[in-house]
N, C-alpha and C. Protein backbone atom coordinates (compact mmCIF):
# COMPACT_ATOMS: atom_id res chain seq x y z
N UNK A 1 21.93 -12.04 -32.80
CA UNK A 1 20.58 -11.53 -32.92
C UNK A 1 19.78 -12.39 -33.89
N UNK A 2 19.96 -13.70 -33.78
CA UNK A 2 19.27 -14.61 -34.68
C UNK A 2 17.75 -14.54 -34.52
N UNK A 3 17.27 -14.04 -33.39
CA UNK A 3 15.82 -13.95 -33.19
C UNK A 3 15.18 -13.07 -34.27
N UNK A 4 15.86 -12.05 -34.71
CA UNK A 4 15.35 -11.20 -35.78
C UNK A 4 15.26 -11.93 -37.10
N UNK A 5 16.26 -12.73 -37.40
CA UNK A 5 16.25 -13.52 -38.64
C UNK A 5 15.14 -14.57 -38.61
N UNK A 6 14.99 -15.24 -37.49
CA UNK A 6 13.94 -16.25 -37.35
C UNK A 6 12.57 -15.60 -37.46
N UNK A 7 12.41 -14.45 -36.83
CA UNK A 7 11.14 -13.73 -36.89
C UNK A 7 10.79 -13.37 -38.33
N UNK A 8 11.75 -12.88 -39.08
CA UNK A 8 11.48 -12.52 -40.48
C UNK A 8 11.11 -13.75 -41.30
N UNK A 9 11.77 -14.89 -41.05
CA UNK A 9 11.44 -16.12 -41.78
C UNK A 9 10.01 -16.57 -41.45
N UNK A 10 9.62 -16.49 -40.19
CA UNK A 10 8.25 -16.85 -39.80
C UNK A 10 7.25 -15.92 -40.47
N UNK A 11 7.54 -14.62 -40.44
CA UNK A 11 6.63 -13.65 -41.05
C UNK A 11 6.49 -13.90 -42.55
N UNK A 12 7.59 -14.25 -43.22
CA UNK A 12 7.54 -14.54 -44.66
C UNK A 12 6.69 -15.76 -44.95
N UNK A 13 6.62 -16.68 -43.97
CA UNK A 13 5.78 -17.88 -44.13
C UNK A 13 4.34 -17.63 -43.71
N UNK A 14 4.01 -16.40 -43.31
CA UNK A 14 2.65 -16.06 -42.94
C UNK A 14 2.33 -16.26 -41.46
N UNK A 15 3.36 -16.48 -40.65
CA UNK A 15 3.16 -16.67 -39.21
C UNK A 15 3.53 -15.37 -38.50
N UNK A 16 2.56 -14.67 -37.91
CA UNK A 16 2.88 -13.40 -37.25
C UNK A 16 3.70 -13.62 -35.98
N UNK A 17 4.60 -12.68 -35.72
CA UNK A 17 5.50 -12.80 -34.57
C UNK A 17 5.56 -11.50 -33.78
N UNK A 18 5.94 -11.63 -32.52
CA UNK A 18 6.29 -10.50 -31.67
C UNK A 18 7.58 -10.90 -30.96
N UNK A 19 8.60 -10.07 -31.10
CA UNK A 19 9.85 -10.29 -30.38
C UNK A 19 9.73 -9.58 -29.04
N UNK A 20 10.06 -10.25 -27.95
CA UNK A 20 10.12 -9.63 -26.63
C UNK A 20 11.60 -9.54 -26.28
N UNK A 21 12.08 -8.30 -26.07
CA UNK A 21 13.51 -8.08 -25.93
C UNK A 21 13.78 -6.99 -24.90
N UNK A 22 14.87 -7.13 -24.18
CA UNK A 22 15.31 -6.08 -23.26
C UNK A 22 15.68 -4.84 -24.06
N UNK A 23 15.34 -3.68 -23.55
CA UNK A 23 15.56 -2.42 -24.25
C UNK A 23 17.03 -2.16 -24.56
N UNK A 24 17.94 -2.79 -23.85
CA UNK A 24 19.36 -2.60 -24.08
C UNK A 24 19.74 -3.00 -25.52
N UNK A 25 18.97 -3.86 -26.15
CA UNK A 25 19.24 -4.31 -27.51
C UNK A 25 18.46 -3.53 -28.56
N UNK A 26 17.82 -2.46 -28.17
CA UNK A 26 16.92 -1.70 -29.06
C UNK A 26 17.54 -1.37 -30.41
N UNK A 27 18.71 -0.78 -30.41
CA UNK A 27 19.34 -0.37 -31.67
C UNK A 27 19.60 -1.53 -32.61
N UNK A 28 20.13 -2.60 -32.06
CA UNK A 28 20.43 -3.78 -32.89
C UNK A 28 19.16 -4.42 -33.43
N UNK A 29 18.16 -4.53 -32.59
CA UNK A 29 16.93 -5.19 -33.02
C UNK A 29 16.20 -4.34 -34.06
N UNK A 30 16.09 -3.05 -33.84
CA UNK A 30 15.38 -2.20 -34.79
C UNK A 30 16.08 -2.15 -36.14
N UNK A 31 17.41 -2.30 -36.14
CA UNK A 31 18.15 -2.33 -37.41
C UNK A 31 17.76 -3.54 -38.25
N UNK A 32 17.26 -4.58 -37.61
CA UNK A 32 16.84 -5.79 -38.33
C UNK A 32 15.43 -5.65 -38.90
N UNK A 33 14.74 -4.59 -38.54
CA UNK A 33 13.40 -4.27 -39.04
C UNK A 33 12.39 -5.40 -38.82
N UNK A 34 12.22 -5.83 -37.57
CA UNK A 34 11.22 -6.86 -37.31
C UNK A 34 9.81 -6.29 -37.46
N UNK A 35 8.86 -7.17 -37.65
CA UNK A 35 7.47 -6.74 -37.83
C UNK A 35 6.91 -6.09 -36.56
N UNK A 36 7.12 -6.75 -35.42
CA UNK A 36 6.62 -6.25 -34.13
C UNK A 36 7.62 -6.61 -33.05
N UNK A 37 7.91 -5.64 -32.18
CA UNK A 37 8.83 -5.92 -31.08
C UNK A 37 8.35 -5.18 -29.83
N UNK A 38 8.39 -5.90 -28.73
CA UNK A 38 8.02 -5.35 -27.43
C UNK A 38 9.30 -5.26 -26.60
N UNK A 39 9.70 -4.06 -26.25
CA UNK A 39 10.89 -3.86 -25.43
C UNK A 39 10.49 -3.72 -23.97
N UNK A 40 11.30 -4.31 -23.11
CA UNK A 40 11.08 -4.17 -21.67
C UNK A 40 12.30 -3.48 -21.06
N UNK A 41 12.10 -2.92 -19.88
CA UNK A 41 13.21 -2.28 -19.15
C UNK A 41 13.88 -3.28 -18.20
N UNK A 42 13.80 -4.54 -18.57
CA UNK A 42 14.38 -5.59 -17.75
C UNK A 42 15.83 -5.85 -18.16
N UNK A 43 16.55 -6.54 -17.31
CA UNK A 43 17.97 -6.79 -17.56
C UNK A 43 18.16 -7.83 -18.66
N UNK A 44 19.37 -7.84 -19.23
CA UNK A 44 19.70 -8.81 -20.27
C UNK A 44 19.46 -10.23 -19.76
N UNK A 45 18.89 -11.04 -20.61
CA UNK A 45 18.64 -12.42 -20.25
C UNK A 45 17.34 -12.66 -19.53
N UNK A 46 16.66 -11.59 -19.15
CA UNK A 46 15.38 -11.72 -18.44
C UNK A 46 14.34 -10.74 -18.99
N UNK A 47 14.05 -10.82 -20.27
CA UNK A 47 13.13 -9.86 -20.86
C UNK A 47 11.71 -9.97 -20.31
N UNK A 48 11.35 -11.12 -19.75
CA UNK A 48 10.00 -11.29 -19.18
C UNK A 48 9.94 -10.90 -17.72
N UNK A 49 11.09 -10.77 -17.06
CA UNK A 49 11.11 -10.42 -15.64
C UNK A 49 11.94 -11.40 -14.84
N UNK A 50 11.96 -11.19 -13.55
CA UNK A 50 12.77 -11.99 -12.64
C UNK A 50 12.21 -13.41 -12.49
N UNK A 51 13.07 -14.36 -12.15
CA UNK A 51 12.58 -15.72 -11.89
C UNK A 51 11.50 -15.70 -10.80
N UNK A 52 10.48 -16.48 -11.00
CA UNK A 52 9.37 -16.65 -10.06
C UNK A 52 8.44 -15.43 -9.98
N UNK A 53 8.69 -14.39 -10.76
CA UNK A 53 7.81 -13.23 -10.78
C UNK A 53 6.71 -13.48 -11.82
N UNK A 54 5.85 -14.42 -11.49
CA UNK A 54 4.81 -14.87 -12.41
C UNK A 54 3.89 -13.73 -12.82
N UNK A 55 3.58 -12.86 -11.90
CA UNK A 55 2.70 -11.72 -12.20
C UNK A 55 3.30 -10.84 -13.30
N UNK A 56 4.57 -10.49 -13.18
CA UNK A 56 5.22 -9.64 -14.18
C UNK A 56 5.38 -10.39 -15.50
N UNK A 57 5.76 -11.64 -15.45
CA UNK A 57 5.93 -12.43 -16.67
C UNK A 57 4.62 -12.53 -17.44
N UNK A 58 3.53 -12.76 -16.73
CA UNK A 58 2.22 -12.83 -17.37
C UNK A 58 1.84 -11.48 -17.97
N UNK A 59 2.18 -10.40 -17.29
CA UNK A 59 1.89 -9.06 -17.80
C UNK A 59 2.62 -8.83 -19.13
N UNK A 60 3.89 -9.17 -19.18
CA UNK A 60 4.67 -8.99 -20.41
C UNK A 60 4.07 -9.83 -21.54
N UNK A 61 3.72 -11.06 -21.25
CA UNK A 61 3.12 -11.91 -22.28
C UNK A 61 1.78 -11.36 -22.77
N UNK A 62 0.96 -10.86 -21.84
CA UNK A 62 -0.32 -10.25 -22.24
C UNK A 62 -0.08 -9.03 -23.14
N UNK A 63 0.90 -8.22 -22.79
CA UNK A 63 1.20 -7.03 -23.60
C UNK A 63 1.72 -7.42 -24.98
N UNK A 64 2.49 -8.50 -25.06
CA UNK A 64 2.99 -8.93 -26.37
C UNK A 64 1.83 -9.43 -27.24
N UNK A 65 0.89 -10.13 -26.65
CA UNK A 65 -0.29 -10.56 -27.41
C UNK A 65 -1.15 -9.37 -27.82
N UNK A 66 -1.25 -8.40 -26.94
CA UNK A 66 -2.00 -7.18 -27.28
C UNK A 66 -1.33 -6.46 -28.47
N UNK A 67 0.00 -6.42 -28.47
CA UNK A 67 0.71 -5.80 -29.59
C UNK A 67 0.46 -6.59 -30.88
N UNK A 68 0.45 -7.89 -30.79
CA UNK A 68 0.19 -8.72 -31.96
C UNK A 68 -1.18 -8.40 -32.56
N UNK A 69 -2.16 -8.18 -31.71
CA UNK A 69 -3.52 -7.87 -32.17
C UNK A 69 -3.68 -6.44 -32.68
N UNK A 70 -2.93 -5.51 -32.07
CA UNK A 70 -3.20 -4.10 -32.35
C UNK A 70 -2.27 -3.43 -33.37
N UNK A 71 -1.14 -4.02 -33.65
CA UNK A 71 -0.18 -3.37 -34.56
C UNK A 71 -0.78 -3.27 -35.96
N UNK A 72 -0.79 -2.06 -36.49
CA UNK A 72 -1.33 -1.84 -37.83
C UNK A 72 -0.26 -1.41 -38.83
N UNK A 73 0.89 -1.02 -38.33
CA UNK A 73 1.99 -0.57 -39.19
C UNK A 73 3.12 -1.59 -39.16
N UNK A 74 3.84 -1.75 -40.26
CA UNK A 74 5.01 -2.63 -40.21
C UNK A 74 6.08 -2.03 -39.31
N UNK A 75 6.87 -2.88 -38.72
CA UNK A 75 7.97 -2.48 -37.84
C UNK A 75 7.47 -1.68 -36.64
N UNK A 76 6.45 -2.19 -35.98
CA UNK A 76 5.90 -1.56 -34.79
C UNK A 76 6.72 -1.94 -33.57
N UNK A 77 7.14 -0.94 -32.80
CA UNK A 77 7.90 -1.18 -31.58
C UNK A 77 7.21 -0.49 -30.41
N UNK A 78 7.19 -1.17 -29.28
CA UNK A 78 6.57 -0.64 -28.07
C UNK A 78 7.51 -0.88 -26.90
N UNK A 79 7.64 0.12 -26.04
CA UNK A 79 8.46 0.00 -24.84
C UNK A 79 7.54 -0.02 -23.63
N UNK A 80 7.61 -1.10 -22.85
CA UNK A 80 6.83 -1.15 -21.60
C UNK A 80 7.51 -0.26 -20.56
N UNK A 81 6.75 0.53 -19.83
CA UNK A 81 7.34 1.46 -18.87
C UNK A 81 7.80 0.82 -17.56
N UNK A 82 7.36 -0.40 -17.28
CA UNK A 82 7.65 -1.03 -15.99
C UNK A 82 9.14 -1.32 -15.82
N UNK A 83 9.69 -0.92 -14.69
CA UNK A 83 11.10 -1.19 -14.38
C UNK A 83 11.25 -2.63 -13.89
N UNK A 84 12.45 -3.15 -14.03
CA UNK A 84 12.75 -4.50 -13.54
C UNK A 84 12.63 -4.53 -12.03
N UNK A 85 12.06 -5.58 -11.52
CA UNK A 85 12.02 -5.76 -10.07
C UNK A 85 12.63 -7.12 -9.76
N UNK A 86 13.39 -7.19 -8.68
CA UNK A 86 14.18 -8.39 -8.40
C UNK A 86 13.39 -9.51 -7.74
N UNK A 87 12.26 -9.21 -7.17
CA UNK A 87 11.48 -10.25 -6.51
C UNK A 87 10.00 -10.03 -6.76
N UNK A 88 9.25 -11.10 -6.83
CA UNK A 88 7.81 -10.94 -7.01
C UNK A 88 7.17 -10.27 -5.81
N UNK A 89 6.06 -9.63 -6.06
CA UNK A 89 5.34 -8.95 -4.97
C UNK A 89 4.51 -9.91 -4.18
């Protein structure tokens, strides 16, 4: 879970971060107390979505940027409701 350590180091240097992570890692990631994390209901290894699903990947990235702009509390976590889909529409 080095992403949590890297995120904290960036935040300490004044660089805001958002971790995008599959919800299966929720407990481990939240224990690291990251500043902002966006959880998806996607499978391990594909937190942004399926290969070639550009629409879903762009949606996840837009939501992560929205979280970066809107989070007002430390350790803000958000779960996207969209289920994993195996092929683009």
